[in-house]
Amino acid sequence: NSVIPDDGSVTEITPYAFRGSAIDKIVIPASVEQTELPSFNGCTNLKEVIILGNIEKIPSYTFSGCSSLESVSLPESLIEIGECAFKDCTSLTEIIIPNSVYKLGFAAFDSCTALSKVKLPDSLKDIYCVEPFAGCKNITEIDTGNGITKLSQVFLGKFEKLKTVVLGNGITEINLSLYLYNSTELTTVYISGNATKIARNSFRNCTSLTDIYYDGTKEQWLEIVVDDWDYKTGDYTIHFNDGTTMKKGEE
């Protein structure tokens, strides 16, 4: 366990001060003025990280290989998470990305195999990379937030255990089949009233689909769906924002 004094005496930490060390917890105090987090690469005993400083960037590979890391508290000052920053953090079950982050690097959470829930902040307008959650094979829930506009920015990769998808206000055209083909465990989808098109085969082979929550009326829904959007889906119920419902096969 590493204790950095919180009396204001520490304002800077050298880039590799902790790299490969045996620490199991670290608290970055508010007195730290640097904008980039130092490296904890290979700290295999590290379980908890609390950042209180003014960190704006988590550089590439910062926590790569921290296989025991379970909890990370990120500051509201954070604006960028770098390439492979959390690669192979195989004990990390959940990550809360602050609503200040606007850039997510390539494979930022690659092979975080214990990660089950992902909620992207509204501040994240675009993901300038490929497969930020590649290898996260146990994700069950993804919330795109209201900033993301393209499904391809989030859903490239295999999410075979995905059960719940929340599509934010930025997603207007929906065709999940391009990215989640054969998502046989998907049960629940939330769709905003901003959606303008539910494309053909959007939920193809989502055989466990039971509930779609649409923030609009039945009339609006019938205007944006196309034929065969629900090809080979489960026996779902659509829940509209006025309290009415519609089951599969009804109009």
Protein backbone atom coordinates (compact mmCIF):
# COMPACT_ATOMS: atom_id res chain seq x y z
CA ASN A 1 0.00 0.00 0.00
CA SER A 2 1.48 3.33 -1.05
CA VAL A 3 0.55 6.48 0.80
CA ILE A 4 1.26 9.78 -0.89
CA PRO A 5 1.07 12.66 1.63
CA ASP A 6 -2.12 14.69 1.29
CA ASP A 7 -0.70 17.72 3.07
CA GLY A 8 -0.04 19.52 -0.19
CA SER A 9 3.66 18.71 -0.27
CA VAL A 10 3.45 16.48 -3.34
CA THR A 11 2.69 18.31 -6.58
CA GLU A 12 4.30 15.99 -9.10
CA ILE A 13 4.94 12.25 -9.52
CA THR A 14 7.61 11.01 -11.89
CA PRO A 15 6.27 8.95 -14.83
CA TYR A 16 7.64 5.57 -13.71
CA ALA A 17 7.68 5.98 -9.93
CA PHE A 18 5.32 3.03 -9.41
CA ARG A 19 5.76 0.96 -12.56
CA GLY A 20 5.97 -2.75 -11.70
CA SER A 21 5.82 -2.13 -7.94
CA ALA A 22 4.01 -4.30 -5.36
CA ILE A 23 1.54 -1.63 -4.17
CA ASP A 24 -2.09 -2.68 -3.71
CA LYS A 25 -3.72 0.75 -3.37
CA ILE A 26 -2.90 4.27 -4.50
CA VAL A 27 -4.53 7.64 -3.83
CA ILE A 28 -3.42 10.53 -6.02
CA PRO A 29 -3.99 13.62 -3.82
CA ALA A 30 -5.57 16.84 -5.00
CA SER A 31 -2.23 18.63 -4.60
CA VAL A 32 -0.81 16.83 -7.67
CA GLU A 33 -0.72 19.43 -10.43
CA GLN A 34 0.46 17.39 -13.41
CA THR A 35 -2.10 16.61 -16.09
CA GLU A 36 -0.91 13.10 -17.03
CA LEU A 37 -1.16 10.13 -14.70
CA PRO A 38 2.10 8.27 -14.02
CA SER A 39 2.46 4.65 -15.14
CA PHE A 40 1.27 1.71 -13.05
CA ASN A 41 1.98 -0.78 -15.81
CA GLY A 42 2.61 -4.26 -14.44
CA CYS A 43 1.52 -3.53 -10.87
CA THR A 44 -0.08 -6.95 -10.53
CA ASN A 45 -1.04 -6.47 -6.84
CA LEU A 46 -2.80 -3.14 -7.37
CA LYS A 47 -6.49 -3.43 -6.43
CA GLU A 48 -7.74 0.12 -5.90
CA VAL A 49 -6.98 3.50 -7.46
CA ILE A 50 -8.44 6.82 -6.32
CA ILE A 51 -7.52 9.94 -8.27
CA LEU A 52 -8.21 13.26 -6.54
CA GLY A 53 -5.71 15.32 -8.49
CA ASN A 54 -6.15 17.40 -11.63
CA ILE A 55 -5.35 14.57 -14.02
CA GLU A 56 -6.59 15.21 -17.57
CA LYS A 57 -5.10 12.22 -19.35
CA ILE A 58 -4.52 8.56 -18.63
CA PRO A 59 -1.70 7.79 -21.09
CA SER A 60 -1.38 4.65 -23.18
CA TYR A 61 -0.79 1.41 -21.22
CA THR A 62 -0.99 3.20 -17.83
CA PHE A 63 -2.73 0.29 -16.07
CA SER A 64 -1.91 -2.41 -18.60
CA GLY A 65 -1.35 -5.75 -16.90
CA CYS A 66 -2.79 -4.67 -13.55
CA SER A 67 -4.55 -8.01 -13.29
CA SER A 68 -5.80 -7.48 -9.70
CA LEU A 69 -7.29 -4.04 -10.29
CA GLU A 70 -10.91 -4.03 -9.10
CA SER A 71 -11.81 -0.39 -8.50
CA VAL A 72 -10.85 2.88 -10.19
CA SER A 73 -12.23 6.28 -9.22
CA LEU A 74 -11.64 8.74 -12.06
CA PRO A 75 -11.72 12.54 -11.61
CA GLU A 76 -14.07 14.99 -13.33
CA SER A 77 -10.97 16.71 -14.74
CA LEU A 78 -10.25 13.71 -16.99
CA ILE A 79 -10.63 14.34 -20.73
CA GLU A 80 -8.72 11.49 -22.39
CA ILE A 81 -8.14 7.76 -21.85
CA GLY A 82 -5.25 6.53 -23.97
CA GLU A 83 -4.56 3.48 -26.09
CA CYS A 84 -4.71 0.18 -24.15
CA ALA A 85 -4.81 2.19 -20.91
CA PHE A 86 -6.62 -0.61 -19.05
CA LYS A 87 -5.54 -3.54 -21.22
CA ASP A 88 -5.65 -6.90 -19.41
CA CYS A 89 -7.16 -5.51 -16.22
CA THR A 90 -8.88 -8.84 -15.82
CA SER A 91 -10.41 -8.16 -12.37
CA LEU A 92 -12.10 -4.87 -13.30
CA THR A 93 -15.88 -5.45 -13.22
CA GLU A 94 -17.19 -1.92 -13.79
CA ILE A 95 -15.84 1.41 -14.98
CA ILE A 96 -17.51 4.79 -14.53
CA ILE A 97 -16.16 7.20 -17.13
CA PRO A 98 -16.65 10.83 -16.03
CA ASN A 99 -18.84 13.18 -18.05
CA SER A 100 -15.75 15.14 -19.08
CA VAL A 101 -14.00 12.54 -21.22
CA TYR A 102 -14.14 13.30 -24.93
CA LYS A 103 -11.50 10.91 -26.25
CA LEU A 104 -11.20 7.14 -25.84
CA GLY A 105 -8.11 5.49 -27.29
CA PHE A 106 -7.64 2.34 -29.33
CA ALA A 107 -8.47 -0.83 -27.35
CA ALA A 108 -8.59 1.24 -24.16
CA PHE A 109 -10.21 -1.61 -22.23
CA ASP A 110 -8.88 -4.50 -24.28
CA SER A 111 -9.38 -7.91 -22.64
CA CYS A 112 -10.95 -6.64 -19.42
CA THR A 113 -12.62 -10.01 -19.18
CA ALA A 114 -14.48 -9.34 -15.90
CA LEU A 115 -16.03 -6.11 -17.16
CA SER A 116 -19.81 -6.51 -17.17
CA LYS A 117 -21.26 -3.01 -17.50
CA VAL A 118 -20.26 -0.07 -19.67
CA LYS A 119 -21.84 3.39 -19.54
CA LEU A 120 -20.35 6.00 -21.84
CA PRO A 121 -20.53 9.69 -20.83
CA ASP A 122 -22.55 12.23 -22.80
CA SER A 123 -19.31 14.18 -23.31
CA LEU A 124 -17.96 11.40 -25.54
CA LYS A 125 -19.13 12.46 -29.01
CA ASP A 126 -16.94 10.14 -31.06
CA ILE A 127 -14.62 7.22 -30.42
CA TYR A 128 -11.58 7.78 -32.62
CA CYS A 129 -10.46 4.20 -32.54
CA VAL A 130 -11.32 0.59 -33.24
CA GLU A 131 -12.81 -1.77 -30.68
CA PRO A 132 -12.38 0.09 -27.38
CA PHE A 133 -13.83 -2.96 -25.61
CA ALA A 134 -12.21 -5.70 -27.67
CA GLY A 135 -11.93 -8.97 -25.79
CA CYS A 136 -14.40 -7.89 -23.11
CA LYS A 137 -16.31 -11.09 -23.61
CA ASN A 138 -18.42 -10.90 -20.45
CA ILE A 139 -20.10 -7.53 -20.96
CA THR A 140 -23.84 -7.83 -20.29
CA GLU A 141 -24.92 -4.18 -20.49
CA ILE A 142 -23.90 -1.23 -22.67
CA ASP A 143 -25.25 2.33 -22.44
CA THR A 144 -24.02 4.51 -25.33
CA GLY A 145 -24.76 7.80 -23.57
CA ASN A 146 -26.22 10.72 -25.50
CA GLY A 147 -23.08 11.82 -27.35
CA ILE A 148 -22.29 8.81 -29.54
CA THR A 149 -23.91 8.99 -33.00
CA LYS A 150 -22.73 5.79 -34.69
CA LEU A 151 -23.25 2.25 -33.47
CA SER A 152 -20.01 1.16 -35.12
CA GLN A 153 -18.07 3.33 -32.66
CA VAL A 154 -19.19 1.18 -29.73
CA PHE A 155 -20.26 -2.23 -30.87
CA LEU A 156 -17.39 -3.50 -32.99
CA GLY A 157 -16.33 -6.68 -31.23
CA LYS A 158 -17.95 -9.82 -29.91
CA PHE A 159 -20.40 -9.36 -27.04
CA GLU A 160 -21.93 -12.79 -26.89
CA LYS A 161 -23.29 -12.33 -23.35
CA LEU A 162 -24.87 -8.93 -23.93
CA LYS A 163 -28.33 -8.74 -22.36
CA THR A 164 -29.18 -5.02 -22.26
CA VAL A 165 -28.47 -2.17 -24.69
CA VAL A 166 -29.35 1.47 -24.02
CA LEU A 167 -29.19 3.61 -27.18
CA GLY A 168 -28.88 7.30 -26.37
CA ASN A 169 -30.27 10.40 -28.05
CA GLY A 170 -27.40 10.58 -30.55
CA ILE A 171 -28.27 7.27 -32.23
CA THR A 172 -30.79 8.02 -34.97
CA GLU A 173 -30.43 5.08 -37.35
CA ILE A 174 -30.49 1.64 -35.79
CA ASN A 175 -29.20 -1.57 -37.30
CA LEU A 176 -27.73 -3.67 -34.53
CA SER A 177 -27.51 -6.73 -36.76
CA LEU A 178 -24.41 -5.26 -38.41
CA TYR A 179 -22.57 -5.33 -35.09
CA LEU A 180 -24.45 -7.74 -32.83
CA TYR A 181 -25.37 -10.48 -35.26
CA ASN A 182 -26.66 -13.54 -33.41
CA SER A 183 -26.82 -11.84 -30.00
CA THR A 184 -28.91 -14.66 -28.70
CA GLU A 185 -28.79 -13.51 -25.05
CA LEU A 186 -29.99 -9.95 -25.73
CA THR A 187 -33.26 -9.42 -23.86
CA THR A 188 -33.78 -5.67 -23.45
CA VAL A 189 -33.23 -2.62 -25.66
CA TYR A 190 -33.91 1.05 -24.86
CA ILE A 191 -34.40 3.38 -27.85
CA SER A 192 -34.69 7.16 -27.68
CA GLY A 193 -37.39 9.20 -29.37
CA ASN A 194 -34.72 10.68 -31.65
CA ALA A 195 -34.48 7.48 -33.68
CA THR A 196 -35.47 8.06 -37.32
CA LYS A 197 -35.05 4.55 -38.73
CA ILE A 198 -35.13 0.98 -37.45
CA ALA A 199 -33.47 -0.81 -40.36
CA ARG A 200 -34.25 -4.17 -41.93
CA ASN A 201 -32.97 -7.08 -39.82
CA SER A 202 -32.02 -4.68 -37.01
CA PHE A 203 -32.47 -7.39 -34.40
CA ARG A 204 -31.83 -10.42 -36.58
CA ASN A 205 -31.53 -13.65 -34.59
CA CYS A 206 -31.95 -11.90 -31.23
CA THR A 207 -33.96 -14.89 -30.16
CA SER A 208 -34.16 -13.94 -26.46
CA LEU A 209 -35.45 -10.41 -27.06
CA THR A 210 -38.38 -9.76 -24.69
CA ASP A 211 -38.65 -5.98 -24.20
CA ILE A 212 -38.08 -2.83 -26.24
CA TYR A 213 -38.57 0.50 -24.45
CA TYR A 214 -39.19 3.25 -26.99
CA ASP A 215 -39.38 6.88 -25.87
CA GLY A 216 -42.11 7.73 -28.35
CA THR A 217 -45.63 6.71 -29.35
CA LYS A 218 -46.84 3.68 -31.31
CA GLU A 219 -47.62 5.96 -34.26
CA GLN A 220 -44.07 7.27 -34.27
CA TRP A 221 -42.67 3.76 -34.06
CA LEU A 222 -44.64 2.56 -37.07
CA GLU A 223 -43.24 5.48 -39.06
CA ILE A 224 -39.59 4.61 -38.44
CA VAL A 225 -39.55 0.80 -38.75
CA VAL A 226 -39.10 -1.03 -42.05
CA ASP A 227 -40.23 -4.51 -43.10
CA ASP A 228 -38.50 -7.45 -41.39
CA TRP A 229 -36.76 -5.30 -38.79
CA ASP A 230 -37.56 -8.06 -36.28
CA TYR A 231 -36.56 -11.06 -38.39
CA LYS A 232 -36.09 -14.14 -36.19
CA THR A 233 -36.39 -12.30 -32.88
CA GLY A 234 -37.92 -13.47 -29.64
CA ASP A 235 -41.55 -12.73 -28.69
CA TYR A 236 -40.93 -9.15 -27.60
CA THR A 237 -43.18 -6.44 -26.20
CA ILE A 238 -42.65 -2.78 -27.17
CA HIS A 239 -43.31 -0.29 -24.37
CA PHE A 240 -44.23 3.24 -25.52
CA ASN A 241 -43.84 6.45 -23.54
CA ASP A 242 -47.60 6.92 -23.13
CA GLY A 243 -47.89 3.64 -21.23
CA THR A 244 -49.27 1.55 -24.10
CA THR A 245 -47.63 -1.62 -25.41
CA MET A 246 -47.49 -3.68 -28.58
CA LYS A 247 -46.52 -7.33 -28.85
CA LYS A 248 -44.69 -8.97 -31.71
CA GLY A 249 -47.00 -9.40 -34.70
CA GLU A 250 -49.41 -6.65 -33.64
CA GLU A 251 -49.90 -3.29 -35.31
